[in-house]
């Protein structure tokens, strides 16, 4: 039981450090995105109704609508 608690505590500590370490990087990426003003998202258009290519050769559907 003691070994199990040690493993659990170690795992939680590692996860906590990983989450804390990601915060500054995410803030920098957000600043970069705000400066550019554009986010580009790639979709294949092969998964209707989530995304598909219409007659005008545009990717449309649920996924593109969420991205806008």
PDB file of N, CA and C in Angstrom:
ATOM      1  N   UNK A   1       0.823  -1.193   0.000  1.00  0.00           N
ATOM      2  CA  UNK A   1       0.000   0.000   0.000  1.00  0.00           C
ATOM      3  C   UNK A   1       0.869   1.260   0.000  1.00  0.00           C
ATOM      4  N   UNK A   2       1.974   1.225   0.727  1.00  0.00           N
ATOM      5  CA  UNK A   2       2.860   2.384   0.785  1.00  0.00           C
ATOM      6  C   UNK A   2       3.473   2.665  -0.579  1.00  0.00           C
ATOM      7  N   UNK A   3       3.857   1.618  -1.289  1.00  0.00           N
ATOM      8  CA  UNK A   3       4.446   1.799  -2.618  1.00  0.00           C
ATOM      9  C   UNK A   3       3.410   2.392  -3.580  1.00  0.00           C
ATOM     10  N   UNK A   4       2.185   1.968  -3.445  1.00  0.00           N
ATOM     11  CA  UNK A   4       1.121   2.480  -4.312  1.00  0.00           C
ATOM     12  C   UNK A   4       0.907   3.980  -4.080  1.00  0.00           C
ATOM     13  N   UNK A   5       0.930   4.399  -2.818  1.00  0.00           N
ATOM     14  CA  UNK A   5       0.771   5.824  -2.505  1.00  0.00           C
ATOM     15  C   UNK A   5       1.948   6.634  -3.029  1.00  0.00           C
ATOM     16  N   UNK A   6       3.133   6.080  -2.929  1.00  0.00           N
ATOM     17  CA  UNK A   6       4.322   6.772  -3.424  1.00  0.00           C
ATOM     18  C   UNK A   6       4.232   6.972  -4.931  1.00  0.00           C
ATOM     19  N   UNK A   7       3.806   5.945  -5.639  1.00  0.00           N
ATOM     20  CA  UNK A   7       3.657   6.045  -7.091  1.00  0.00           C
ATOM     21  C   UNK A   7       2.576   7.072  -7.435  1.00  0.00           C
ATOM     22  N   UNK A   8       1.469   7.057  -6.719  1.00  0.00           N
ATOM     23  CA  UNK A   8       0.387   8.007  -6.962  1.00  0.00           C
ATOM     24  C   UNK A   8       0.853   9.441  -6.711  1.00  0.00           C
ATOM     25  N   UNK A   9       1.546   9.666  -5.615  1.00  0.00           N
ATOM     26  CA  UNK A   9       2.049  11.009  -5.304  1.00  0.00           C
ATOM     27  C   UNK A   9       3.051  11.474  -6.354  1.00  0.00           C
ATOM     28  N   UNK A  10       3.913  10.580  -6.786  1.00  0.00           N
ATOM     29  CA  UNK A  10       4.901  10.937  -7.809  1.00  0.00           C
ATOM     30  C   UNK A  10       4.223  11.296  -9.126  1.00  0.00           C
ATOM     31  N   UNK A  11       3.215  10.528  -9.495  1.00  0.00           N
ATOM     32  CA  UNK A  11       2.482  10.794 -10.733  1.00  0.00           C
ATOM     33  C   UNK A  11       1.764  12.136 -10.667  1.00  0.00           C
ATOM     34  N   UNK A  12       1.119  12.410  -9.547  1.00  0.00           N
ATOM     35  CA  UNK A  12       0.422  13.686  -9.387  1.00  0.00           C
ATOM     36  C   UNK A  12       1.395  14.859  -9.397  1.00  0.00           C
ATOM     37  N   UNK A  13       2.551  14.695  -8.772  1.00  0.00           N
ATOM     38  CA  UNK A  13       3.557  15.755  -8.770  1.00  0.00           C
ATOM     39  C   UNK A  13       4.072  16.015 -10.181  1.00  0.00           C
ATOM     40  N   UNK A  14       4.335  14.960 -10.935  1.00  0.00           N
ATOM     41  CA  UNK A  14       4.823  15.115 -12.309  1.00  0.00           C
ATOM     42  C   UNK A  14       3.768  15.793 -13.182  1.00  0.00           C
ATOM     43  N   UNK A  15       2.513  15.416 -13.018  1.00  0.00           N
ATOM     44  CA  UNK A  15       1.434  16.036 -13.794  1.00  0.00           C
ATOM     45  C   UNK A  15       1.295  17.514 -13.438  1.00  0.00           C
ATOM     46  N   UNK A  16       1.403  17.828 -12.155  1.00  0.00           N
ATOM     47  CA  UNK A  16       1.323  19.223 -11.723  1.00  0.00           C
ATOM     48  C   UNK A  16       2.443  20.063 -12.299  1.00  0.00           C
ATOM     49  N   UNK A  17       3.651  19.538 -12.293  1.00  0.00           N
ATOM     50  CA  UNK A  17       4.789  20.263 -12.862  1.00  0.00           C
ATOM     51  C   UNK A  17       4.630  20.449 -14.367  1.00  0.00           C
ATOM     52  N   UNK A  18       4.102  19.447 -15.032  1.00  0.00           N
ATOM     53  CA  UNK A  18       3.895  19.552 -16.480  1.00  0.00           C
ATOM     54  C   UNK A  18       2.875  20.638 -16.805  1.00  0.00           C
ATOM     55  N   UNK A  19       1.812  20.707 -16.032  1.00  0.00           N
ATOM     56  CA  UNK A  19       0.775  21.719 -16.267  1.00  0.00           C
ATOM     57  C   UNK A  19       1.311  23.118 -15.997  1.00  0.00           C
ATOM     58  N   UNK A  20       2.041  23.281 -14.913  1.00  0.00           N
ATOM     59  CA  UNK A  20       2.606  24.590 -14.574  1.00  0.00           C
ATOM     60  C   UNK A  20       3.630  25.017 -15.618  1.00  0.00           C
ATOM     61  N   UNK A  21       4.397  24.087 -16.139  1.00  0.00           N
ATOM     62  CA  UNK A  21       5.417  24.407 -17.133  1.00  0.00           C
ATOM     63  C   UNK A  21       4.851  24.821 -18.474  1.00  0.00           C
ATOM     64  N   UNK A  22       3.616  24.457 -18.773  1.00  0.00           N
ATOM     65  CA  UNK A  22       3.010  24.790 -20.059  1.00  0.00           C
ATOM     66  C   UNK A  22       2.431  26.197 -20.099  1.00  0.00           C
ATOM     67  N   UNK A  23       2.124  26.779 -18.984  1.00  0.00           N
ATOM     68  CA  UNK A  23       1.451  28.078 -18.948  1.00  0.00           C
ATOM     69  C   UNK A  23       2.193  29.192 -19.671  1.00  0.00           C
ATOM     70  N   UNK A  24       3.483  29.420 -19.442  1.00  0.00           N
ATOM     71  CA  UNK A  24       4.167  30.509 -20.150  1.00  0.00           C
ATOM     72  C   UNK A  24       4.201  30.300 -21.662  1.00  0.00           C
ATOM     73  N   UNK A  25       4.363  29.077 -22.105  1.00  0.00           N
ATOM     74  CA  UNK A  25       4.400  28.799 -23.542  1.00  0.00           C
ATOM     75  C   UNK A  25       3.053  29.115 -24.174  1.00  0.00           C
ATOM     76  N   UNK A  26       1.969  28.762 -23.509  1.00  0.00           N
ATOM     77  CA  UNK A  26       0.640  29.035 -24.039  1.00  0.00           C
ATOM     78  C   UNK A  26       0.392  30.538 -24.134  1.00  0.00           C
ATOM     79  N   UNK A  27       0.863  31.296 -23.160  1.00  0.00           N
ATOM     80  CA  UNK A  27       0.687  32.747 -23.189  1.00  0.00           C
ATOM     81  C   UNK A  27       1.444  33.360 -24.359  1.00  0.00           C
ATOM     82  N   UNK A  28       2.647  32.867 -24.623  1.00  0.00           N
ATOM     83  CA  UNK A  28       3.433  33.375 -25.750  1.00  0.00           C
ATOM     84  C   UNK A  28       2.749  33.051 -27.080  1.00  0.00           C
ATOM     85  N   UNK A  29       2.213  31.849 -27.202  1.00  0.00           N
ATOM     86  CA  UNK A  29       1.523  31.462 -28.435  1.00  0.00           C
ATOM     87  C   UNK A  29       0.272  32.311 -28.646  1.00  0.00           C
ATOM     88  N   UNK A  30      -0.443  32.606 -27.574  1.00  0.00           N
ATOM     89  CA  UNK A  30      -1.634  33.440 -27.688  1.00  0.00           C
ATOM     90  C   UNK A  30      -1.261  34.839 -28.171  1.00  0.00           C
ATOM     91  N   UNK A  31      -0.182  35.394 -27.636  1.00  0.00           N
ATOM     92  CA  UNK A  31       0.272  36.713 -28.088  1.00  0.00           C
ATOM     93  C   UNK A  31       0.632  36.692 -29.572  1.00  0.00           C
ATOM     94  N   UNK A  32       1.305  35.622 -30.005  1.00  0.00           N
ATOM     95  CA  UNK A  32       1.680  35.494 -31.417  1.00  0.00           C
ATOM     96  C   UNK A  32       0.438  35.429 -32.302  1.00  0.00           C
ATOM     97  N   UNK A  33      -0.563  34.654 -31.888  1.00  0.00           N
ATOM     98  CA  UNK A  33      -1.804  34.545 -32.662  1.00  0.00           C
ATOM     99  C   UNK A  33      -2.536  35.880 -32.733  1.00  0.00           C
ATOM    100  N   UNK A  34      -2.539  36.611 -31.635  1.00  0.00           N
ATOM    101  CA  UNK A  34      -3.208  37.918 -31.630  1.00  0.00           C
ATOM    102  C   UNK A  34      -2.510  38.890 -32.573  1.00  0.00           C
ATOM    103  N   UNK A  35      -1.181  38.833 -32.633  1.00  0.00           N
ATOM    104  CA  UNK A  35      -0.430  39.711 -33.536  1.00  0.00           C
ATOM    105  C   UNK A  35      -0.745  39.397 -35.000  1.00  0.00           C
ATOM    106  N   UNK A  36      -0.785  38.103 -35.338  1.00  0.00           N
ATOM    107  CA  UNK A  36      -1.057  37.707 -36.724  1.00  0.00           C
ATOM    108  C   UNK A  36      -2.506  37.964 -37.107  1.00  0.00           C
ATOM    109  N   UNK A  37      -3.421  37.728 -36.184  1.00  0.00           N
ATOM    110  CA  UNK A  37      -4.835  37.954 -36.447  1.00  0.00           C
ATOM    111  C   UNK A  37      -5.516  36.868 -37.261  1.00  0.00           C
ATOM    112  N   UNK A  38      -4.804  35.770 -37.559  1.00  0.00           N
ATOM    113  CA  UNK A  38      -5.365  34.697 -38.385  1.00  0.00           C
ATOM    114  C   UNK A  38      -4.955  33.346 -37.809  1.00  0.00           C
ATOM    115  N   UNK A  39      -5.909  32.413 -37.782  1.00  0.00           N
ATOM    116  CA  UNK A  39      -5.612  31.024 -37.431  1.00  0.00           C
ATOM    117  C   UNK A  39      -5.997  30.179 -38.638  1.00  0.00           C
ATOM    118  N   UNK A  40      -5.074  29.397 -39.147  1.00  0.00           N
ATOM    119  CA  UNK A  40      -5.359  28.530 -40.297  1.00  0.00           C
ATOM    120  C   UNK A  40      -5.589  27.106 -39.793  1.00  0.00           C
ATOM    121  N   UNK A  41      -6.676  26.501 -40.273  1.00  0.00           N
ATOM    122  CA  UNK A  41      -7.045  25.148 -39.875  1.00  0.00           C
ATOM    123  C   UNK A  41      -7.159  24.299 -41.133  1.00  0.00           C
ATOM    124  N   UNK A  42      -6.502  23.146 -41.159  1.00  0.00           N
ATOM    125  CA  UNK A  42      -6.547  22.257 -42.324  1.00  0.00           C
ATOM    126  C   UNK A  42      -7.557  21.134 -42.084  1.00  0.00           C
ATOM    127  N   UNK A  43      -8.383  20.861 -43.092  1.00  0.00           N
ATOM    128  CA  UNK A  43      -9.362  19.776 -43.040  1.00  0.00           C
ATOM    129  C   UNK A  43      -9.392  19.079 -44.387  1.00  0.00           C
ATOM    130  N   UNK A  44      -9.604  17.779 -44.364  1.00  0.00           N
ATOM    131  CA  UNK A  44      -9.600  17.011 -45.609  1.00  0.00           C
ATOM    132  C   UNK A  44     -10.932  17.085 -46.350  1.00  0.00           C
ATOM    133  N   UNK A  45     -12.009  17.305 -45.629  1.00  0.00           N
ATOM    134  CA  UNK A  45     -13.317  17.318 -46.270  1.00  0.00           C
ATOM    135  C   UNK A  45     -13.851  15.932 -46.564  1.00  0.00           C
ATOM    136  N   UNK A  46     -13.336  14.931 -45.873  1.00  0.00           N
ATOM    137  CA  UNK A  46     -13.703  13.546 -46.165  1.00  0.00           C
ATOM    138  C   UNK A  46     -14.583  12.902 -45.093  1.00  0.00           C
ATOM    139  N   UNK A  47     -15.164  13.691 -44.189  1.00  0.00           N
ATOM    140  CA  UNK A  47     -15.929  13.107 -43.087  1.00  0.00           C
ATOM    141  C   UNK A  47     -17.298  13.774 -42.932  1.00  0.00           C
ATOM    142  N   UNK A  48     -18.201  13.594 -43.920  1.00  0.00           N
ATOM    143  CA  UNK A  48     -19.521  14.203 -43.813  1.00  0.00           C
ATOM    144  C   UNK A  48     -20.283  13.615 -42.624  1.00  0.00           C
ATOM    145  N   UNK A  49     -21.090  14.339 -41.947  1.00  0.00           N
ATOM    146  CA  UNK A  49     -21.466  15.742 -42.091  1.00  0.00           C
ATOM    147  C   UNK A  49     -20.538  16.681 -41.326  1.00  0.00           C
ATOM    148  N   UNK A  50     -19.494  16.140 -40.721  1.00  0.00           N
ATOM    149  CA  UNK A  50     -18.594  16.992 -39.942  1.00  0.00           C
ATOM    150  C   UNK A  50     -17.811  17.945 -40.836  1.00  0.00           C
ATOM    151  N   UNK A  51     -17.324  17.452 -41.962  1.00  0.00           N
ATOM    152  CA  UNK A  51     -16.729  18.317 -42.984  1.00  0.00           C
ATOM    153  C   UNK A  51     -16.778  17.597 -44.323  1.00  0.00           C
ATOM    154  N   UNK A  52     -17.094  18.355 -45.366  1.00  0.00           N
ATOM    155  CA  UNK A  52     -17.149  17.797 -46.720  1.00  0.00           C
ATOM    156  C   UNK A  52     -16.948  18.930 -47.717  1.00  0.00           C
ATOM    157  N   UNK A  53     -16.653  18.577 -48.956  1.00  0.00           N
ATOM    158  CA  UNK A  53     -16.416  19.569 -50.010  1.00  0.00           C
ATOM    159  C   UNK A  53     -17.713  19.753 -50.797  1.00  0.00           C
ATOM    160  N   UNK A  54     -18.180  21.010 -50.906  1.00  0.00           N
ATOM    161  CA  UNK A  54     -19.421  21.285 -51.634  1.00  0.00           C
ATOM    162  C   UNK A  54     -19.146  21.490 -53.126  1.00  0.00           C
ATOM    163  N   UNK A  55     -20.175  21.877 -53.875  1.00  0.00           N
ATOM    164  CA  UNK A  55     -20.053  22.064 -55.332  1.00  0.00           C
ATOM    165  C   UNK A  55     -19.105  23.200 -55.715  1.00  0.00           C
ATOM    166  N   UNK A  56     -18.920  24.169 -54.818  1.00  0.00           N
ATOM    167  CA  UNK A  56     -18.014  25.293 -55.087  1.00  0.00           C
ATOM    168  C   UNK A  56     -16.580  24.990 -54.635  1.00  0.00           C
ATOM    169  N   UNK A  57     -16.300  23.722 -54.310  1.00  0.00           N
ATOM    170  CA  UNK A  57     -14.977  23.263 -53.877  1.00  0.00           C
ATOM    171  C   UNK A  57     -14.539  23.918 -52.562  1.00  0.00           C
ATOM    172  N   UNK A  58     -15.511  24.151 -51.671  1.00  0.00           N
ATOM    173  CA  UNK A  58     -15.239  24.710 -50.352  1.00  0.00           C
ATOM    174  C   UNK A  58     -15.498  23.635 -49.308  1.00  0.00           C
ATOM    175  N   UNK A  59     -14.669  23.599 -48.274  1.00  0.00           N
ATOM    176  CA  UNK A  59     -14.903  22.665 -47.177  1.00  0.00           C
ATOM    177  C   UNK A  59     -15.958  23.285 -46.274  1.00  0.00           C
ATOM    178  N   UNK A  60     -17.068  22.583 -46.082  1.00  0.00           N
ATOM    179  CA  UNK A  60     -18.178  23.059 -45.261  1.00  0.00           C
ATOM    180  C   UNK A  60     -18.612  21.947 -44.318  1.00  0.00           C
ATOM    181  N   UNK A  61     -19.466  22.294 -43.363  1.00  0.00           N
ATOM    182  CA  UNK A  61     -19.983  21.322 -42.425  1.00  0.00           C
ATOM    183  C   UNK A  61     -19.826  21.796 -40.994  1.00  0.00           C
ATOM    184  N   UNK A  62     -19.958  20.865 -40.067  1.00  0.00           N
ATOM    185  CA  UNK A  62     -19.918  21.182 -38.643  1.00  0.00           C
ATOM    186  C   UNK A  62     -18.545  21.686 -38.213  1.00  0.00           C
ATOM    187  N   UNK A  63     -17.481  20.979 -38.561  1.00  0.00           N
ATOM    188  CA  UNK A  63     -16.132  21.372 -38.139  1.00  0.00           C
ATOM    189  C   UNK A  63     -15.738  22.763 -38.635  1.00  0.00           C
ATOM    190  N   UNK A  64     -15.926  23.083 -39.916  1.00  0.00           N
ATOM    191  CA  UNK A  64     -15.593  24.438 -40.365  1.00  0.00           C
ATOM    192  C   UNK A  64     -16.438  25.512 -39.665  1.00  0.00           C
ATOM    193  N   UNK A  65     -17.683  25.188 -39.354  1.00  0.00           N
ATOM    194  CA  UNK A  65     -18.536  26.157 -38.663  1.00  0.00           C
ATOM    195  C   UNK A  65     -18.014  26.431 -37.255  1.00  0.00           C
ATOM    196  N   UNK A  66     -17.516  25.413 -36.582  1.00  0.00           N
ATOM    197  CA  UNK A  66     -16.955  25.589 -35.235  1.00  0.00           C
ATOM    198  C   UNK A  66     -15.679  26.420 -35.306  1.00  0.00           C
ATOM    199  N   UNK A  67     -14.900  26.261 -36.358  1.00  0.00           N
ATOM    200  CA  UNK A  67     -13.632  26.981 -36.502  1.00  0.00           C
ATOM    201  C   UNK A  67     -13.780  28.448 -36.842  1.00  0.00           C
ATOM    202  N   UNK A  68     -14.993  28.889 -37.183  1.00  0.00           N
ATOM    203  CA  UNK A  68     -15.165  30.299 -37.560  1.00  0.00           C
ATOM    204  C   UNK A  68     -15.758  31.116 -36.454  1.00  0.00           C
TER     205      UNK A  68
END
